Amino acid sequence: MDIIGKRKKFLIKRTLQFKFLFIIFMTMVTVLLITLWNVYYAGIKAITELNHPKILQIVSHMTDSIMLQSVIAIAIVLIASVFLSHKFAGPIYRFEEATKIIGKGDLTYRVKLRKGDELSELQDCFNDMTESLRNKIKNDDAFKV
């Protein structure tokens, strides 16, 4: 895989991303259920107690519409969450790969994140740390000769 290029997979760190998606999904469902509960029981239930056929037809149509919109909203949030989680999971994956490469002794390796990825400040700190280690080792080797 090209380290800097465009990623083809959006689920790079599945466990992390699924946890993120689960939290977003549960938050969305909770907010949705609270909202629907308030709308239905505070308003629609009182209206349906009037037991007028025309009102019941309108309420039924509203309920169907609300359910459809809720499903669409959940789908949109989940899709957006996958893209958002990718902005974190990709850089974390790159840092994991970088630690393996640097751990094998390649202190010339630098982490390069894509534009728009999160953790860019960590990238700079990580690269500075690696450069500092490389310089210290280089200076230590100069004294040993």
C-alpha atoms as a PDB file:
ATOM      1  CA  MET A   1       0.000   0.000   0.000  1.00  0.00           C
ATOM      2  CA  ASP A   2       1.248   3.461  -0.836  1.00  0.00           C
ATOM      3  CA  ILE A   3       1.876   5.109   2.527  1.00  0.00           C
ATOM      4  CA  ILE A   4       1.011   8.618   1.331  1.00  0.00           C
ATOM      5  CA  GLY A   5      -1.523   7.869  -1.396  1.00  0.00           C
ATOM      6  CA  LYS A   6      -5.250   7.718  -1.242  1.00  0.00           C
ATOM      7  CA  ARG A   7      -6.582   4.845   0.819  1.00  0.00           C
ATOM      8  CA  LYS A   8      -8.928   2.381  -0.811  1.00  0.00           C
ATOM      9  CA  LYS A   9     -10.345   0.961   2.426  1.00  0.00           C
ATOM     10  CA  PHE A  10     -12.343   3.026   4.880  1.00  0.00           C
ATOM     11  CA  LEU A  11     -12.240   0.462   7.672  1.00  0.00           C
ATOM     12  CA  ILE A  12      -8.541   0.436   8.439  1.00  0.00           C
ATOM     13  CA  LYS A  13      -8.667  -0.114  12.195  1.00  0.00           C
ATOM     14  CA  ARG A  14     -11.933  -1.995  12.472  1.00  0.00           C
ATOM     15  CA  THR A  15     -12.117  -2.258  16.264  1.00  0.00           C
ATOM     16  CA  LEU A  16     -11.482   1.438  16.794  1.00  0.00           C
ATOM     17  CA  GLN A  17     -13.814   2.471  14.003  1.00  0.00           C
ATOM     18  CA  PHE A  18     -16.598   0.119  15.079  1.00  0.00           C
ATOM     19  CA  LYS A  19     -16.381   1.467  18.639  1.00  0.00           C
ATOM     20  CA  PHE A  20     -16.592   4.986  17.243  1.00  0.00           C
ATOM     21  CA  LEU A  21     -19.539   4.064  15.009  1.00  0.00           C
ATOM     22  CA  PHE A  22     -21.300   2.331  17.901  1.00  0.00           C
ATOM     23  CA  ILE A  23     -20.971   5.413  20.115  1.00  0.00           C
ATOM     24  CA  ILE A  24     -22.248   7.706  17.370  1.00  0.00           C
ATOM     25  CA  PHE A  25     -25.074   5.304  16.508  1.00  0.00           C
ATOM     26  CA  MET A  26     -26.204   4.886  20.112  1.00  0.00           C
ATOM     27  CA  THR A  27     -26.089   8.645  20.674  1.00  0.00           C
ATOM     28  CA  MET A  28     -28.170   9.202  17.547  1.00  0.00           C
ATOM     29  CA  VAL A  29     -30.698   6.526  18.478  1.00  0.00           C
ATOM     30  CA  THR A  30     -31.008   7.877  22.023  1.00  0.00           C
ATOM     31  CA  VAL A  31     -31.619  11.432  20.812  1.00  0.00           C
ATOM     32  CA  LEU A  32     -34.040  10.146  18.193  1.00  0.00           C
ATOM     33  CA  LEU A  33     -36.005   8.044  20.681  1.00  0.00           C
ATOM     34  CA  ILE A  34     -36.258  10.907  23.170  1.00  0.00           C
ATOM     35  CA  THR A  35     -37.438  13.243  20.425  1.00  0.00           C
ATOM     36  CA  LEU A  36     -39.967  10.759  19.053  1.00  0.00           C
ATOM     37  CA  TRP A  37     -41.214   9.989  22.549  1.00  0.00           C
ATOM     38  CA  ASN A  38     -41.802  13.694  23.228  1.00  0.00           C
ATOM     39  CA  VAL A  39     -43.439  14.327  19.869  1.00  0.00           C
ATOM     40  CA  TYR A  40     -45.647  11.268  19.992  1.00  0.00           C
ATOM     41  CA  TYR A  41     -46.752  11.258  23.582  1.00  0.00           C
ATOM     42  CA  ALA A  42     -46.943  14.999  24.095  1.00  0.00           C
ATOM     43  CA  GLY A  43     -48.673  15.870  20.858  1.00  0.00           C
ATOM     44  CA  ILE A  44     -49.877  13.013  18.731  1.00  0.00           C
ATOM     45  CA  LYS A  45     -51.338  10.953  21.575  1.00  0.00           C
ATOM     46  CA  ALA A  46     -53.457  13.903  22.709  1.00  0.00           C
ATOM     47  CA  ILE A  47     -54.644  14.488  19.152  1.00  0.00           C
ATOM     48  CA  THR A  48     -55.562  10.846  18.543  1.00  0.00           C
ATOM     49  CA  GLU A  49     -57.694  10.812  21.687  1.00  0.00           C
ATOM     50  CA  LEU A  50     -60.070  13.096  19.780  1.00  0.00           C
ATOM     51  CA  ASN A  51     -60.788   9.966  17.691  1.00  0.00           C
ATOM     52  CA  HIS A  52     -61.720  11.862  14.558  1.00  0.00           C
ATOM     53  CA  PRO A  53     -61.116   9.820  11.335  1.00  0.00           C
ATOM     54  CA  LYS A  54     -59.491  12.695   9.432  1.00  0.00           C
ATOM     55  CA  ILE A  55     -57.142  13.468  12.314  1.00  0.00           C
ATOM     56  CA  LEU A  56     -56.234   9.781  12.686  1.00  0.00           C
ATOM     57  CA  GLN A  57     -55.354   9.641   8.977  1.00  0.00           C
ATOM     58  CA  ILE A  58     -53.122  12.721   9.299  1.00  0.00           C
ATOM     59  CA  VAL A  59     -51.415  11.314  12.408  1.00  0.00           C
ATOM     60  CA  SER A  60     -50.819   8.000  10.666  1.00  0.00           C
ATOM     61  CA  HIS A  61     -49.237   9.788   7.702  1.00  0.00           C
ATOM     62  CA  MET A  62     -47.090  11.905  10.047  1.00  0.00           C
ATOM     63  CA  THR A  63     -45.911   8.815  11.922  1.00  0.00           C
ATOM     64  CA  ASP A  64     -44.872   7.108   8.687  1.00  0.00           C
ATOM     65  CA  SER A  65     -43.073  10.242   7.553  1.00  0.00           C
ATOM     66  CA  ILE A  66     -41.253  10.627  10.872  1.00  0.00           C
ATOM     67  CA  MET A  67     -40.123   7.001  10.804  1.00  0.00           C
ATOM     68  CA  LEU A  68     -38.825   7.299   7.234  1.00  0.00           C
ATOM     69  CA  GLN A  69     -36.980  10.510   8.042  1.00  0.00           C
ATOM     70  CA  SER A  70     -35.512   8.878  11.152  1.00  0.00           C
ATOM     71  CA  VAL A  71     -34.154   5.949   9.149  1.00  0.00           C
ATOM     72  CA  ILE A  72     -32.673   8.324   6.572  1.00  0.00           C
ATOM     73  CA  ALA A  73     -31.097  10.463   9.318  1.00  0.00           C
ATOM     74  CA  ILE A  74     -29.537   7.404  10.962  1.00  0.00           C
ATOM     75  CA  ALA A  75     -28.145   6.232   7.608  1.00  0.00           C
ATOM     76  CA  ILE A  76     -26.643   9.671   6.900  1.00  0.00           C
ATOM     77  CA  VAL A  77     -25.067   9.871  10.359  1.00  0.00           C
ATOM     78  CA  LEU A  78     -23.592   6.366  10.035  1.00  0.00           C
ATOM     79  CA  ILE A  79     -22.103   7.109   6.622  1.00  0.00           C
ATOM     80  CA  ALA A  80     -20.670  10.405   7.867  1.00  0.00           C
ATOM     81  CA  SER A  81     -19.287   8.574  10.917  1.00  0.00           C
ATOM     82  CA  VAL A  82     -17.418   6.095   8.723  1.00  0.00           C
ATOM     83  CA  PHE A  83     -15.724   8.968   6.889  1.00  0.00           C
ATOM     84  CA  LEU A  84     -14.992  10.815  10.132  1.00  0.00           C
ATOM     85  CA  SER A  85     -13.593   7.723  11.840  1.00  0.00           C
ATOM     86  CA  HIS A  86     -11.381   7.196   8.789  1.00  0.00           C
ATOM     87  CA  LYS A  87      -9.777  10.596   9.456  1.00  0.00           C
ATOM     88  CA  PHE A  88      -8.566   9.221  12.810  1.00  0.00           C
ATOM     89  CA  ALA A  89      -8.010   5.557  12.030  1.00  0.00           C
ATOM     90  CA  GLY A  90      -5.810   6.236   9.000  1.00  0.00           C
ATOM     91  CA  PRO A  91      -3.292   8.343  10.918  1.00  0.00           C
ATOM     92  CA  ILE A  92      -3.286   5.895  13.829  1.00  0.00           C
ATOM     93  CA  TYR A  93      -2.542   3.110  11.364  1.00  0.00           C
ATOM     94  CA  ARG A  94       0.301   5.158   9.877  1.00  0.00           C
ATOM     95  CA  PHE A  95       1.795   5.809  13.310  1.00  0.00           C
ATOM     96  CA  GLU A  96       1.643   2.097  14.139  1.00  0.00           C
ATOM     97  CA  GLU A  97       3.441   1.273  10.897  1.00  0.00           C
ATOM     98  CA  ALA A  98       5.993   4.023  11.558  1.00  0.00           C
ATOM     99  CA  THR A  99       6.797   2.666  15.025  1.00  0.00           C
ATOM    100  CA  LYS A 100       7.471  -0.756  13.484  1.00  0.00           C
ATOM    101  CA  ILE A 101       9.772   0.722  10.827  1.00  0.00           C
ATOM    102  CA  ILE A 102      11.608   2.978  13.273  1.00  0.00           C
ATOM    103  CA  GLY A 103      11.754   0.146  15.815  1.00  0.00           C
ATOM    104  CA  LYS A 104      13.714  -1.875  13.246  1.00  0.00           C
ATOM    105  CA  GLY A 105      16.312   0.912  13.129  1.00  0.00           C
ATOM    106  CA  ASP A 106      15.260   3.159  10.216  1.00  0.00           C
ATOM    107  CA  LEU A 107      15.499   6.580  11.856  1.00  0.00           C
ATOM    108  CA  THR A 108      15.203   8.304   8.477  1.00  0.00           C
ATOM    109  CA  TYR A 109      11.537   7.312   8.183  1.00  0.00           C
ATOM    110  CA  ARG A 110       8.994  10.122   8.541  1.00  0.00           C
ATOM    111  CA  VAL A 111       5.253   9.917   9.110  1.00  0.00           C
ATOM    112  CA  LYS A 112       3.380  11.696   6.332  1.00  0.00           C
ATOM    113  CA  LEU A 113      -0.341  12.230   6.758  1.00  0.00           C
ATOM    114  CA  ARG A 114      -2.751  13.275   4.068  1.00  0.00           C
ATOM    115  CA  LYS A 115      -4.163  16.769   3.961  1.00  0.00           C
ATOM    116  CA  GLY A 116      -7.260  16.854   6.158  1.00  0.00           C
ATOM    117  CA  ASP A 117      -6.240  13.922   8.351  1.00  0.00           C
ATOM    118  CA  GLU A 118      -6.410  14.425  12.094  1.00  0.00           C
ATOM    119  CA  LEU A 119      -3.368  14.168  14.378  1.00  0.00           C
ATOM    120  CA  SER A 120      -1.154  16.395  12.232  1.00  0.00           C
ATOM    121  CA  GLU A 121       0.387  17.950  15.363  1.00  0.00           C
ATOM    122  CA  LEU A 122       1.327  14.471  16.564  1.00  0.00           C
ATOM    123  CA  GLN A 123       2.922  13.873  13.168  1.00  0.00           C
ATOM    124  CA  ASP A 124       5.182  16.882  13.655  1.00  0.00           C
ATOM    125  CA  CYS A 125       6.119  15.843  17.217  1.00  0.00           C
ATOM    126  CA  PHE A 126       6.758  12.262  16.145  1.00  0.00           C
ATOM    127  CA  ASN A 127       8.961  13.305  13.232  1.00  0.00           C
ATOM    128  CA  ASP A 128      10.855  15.786  15.441  1.00  0.00           C
ATOM    129  CA  MET A 129      11.411  13.030  18.020  1.00  0.00           C
ATOM    130  CA  THR A 130      12.736  10.654  15.372  1.00  0.00           C
ATOM    131  CA  GLU A 131      15.040  13.346  13.966  1.00  0.00           C
ATOM    132  CA  SER A 132      16.311  14.130  17.450  1.00  0.00           C
ATOM    133  CA  LEU A 133      17.029  10.441  18.111  1.00  0.00           C
ATOM    134  CA  ARG A 134      18.805  10.128  14.777  1.00  0.00           C
ATOM    135  CA  ASN A 135      20.993  13.156  15.563  1.00  0.00           C
ATOM    136  CA  LYS A 136      21.835  11.878  19.056  1.00  0.00           C
ATOM    137  CA  ILE A 137      22.816   8.479  17.731  1.00  0.00           C
ATOM    138  CA  LYS A 138      24.825  10.095  14.943  1.00  0.00           C
ATOM    139  CA  ASN A 139      26.657  12.319  17.471  1.00  0.00           C
ATOM    140  CA  ASP A 140      27.283   9.386  19.814  1.00  0.00           C
ATOM    141  CA  ASP A 141      28.746   7.382  16.941  1.00  0.00           C
ATOM    142  CA  ALA A 142      31.079  10.291  16.101  1.00  0.00           C
ATOM    143  CA  PHE A 143      32.563  10.212  19.632  1.00  0.00           C
ATOM    144  CA  LYS A 144      33.144   6.459  19.553  1.00  0.00           C
ATOM    145  CA  VAL A 145      35.524   6.603  16.553  1.00  0.00           C
END
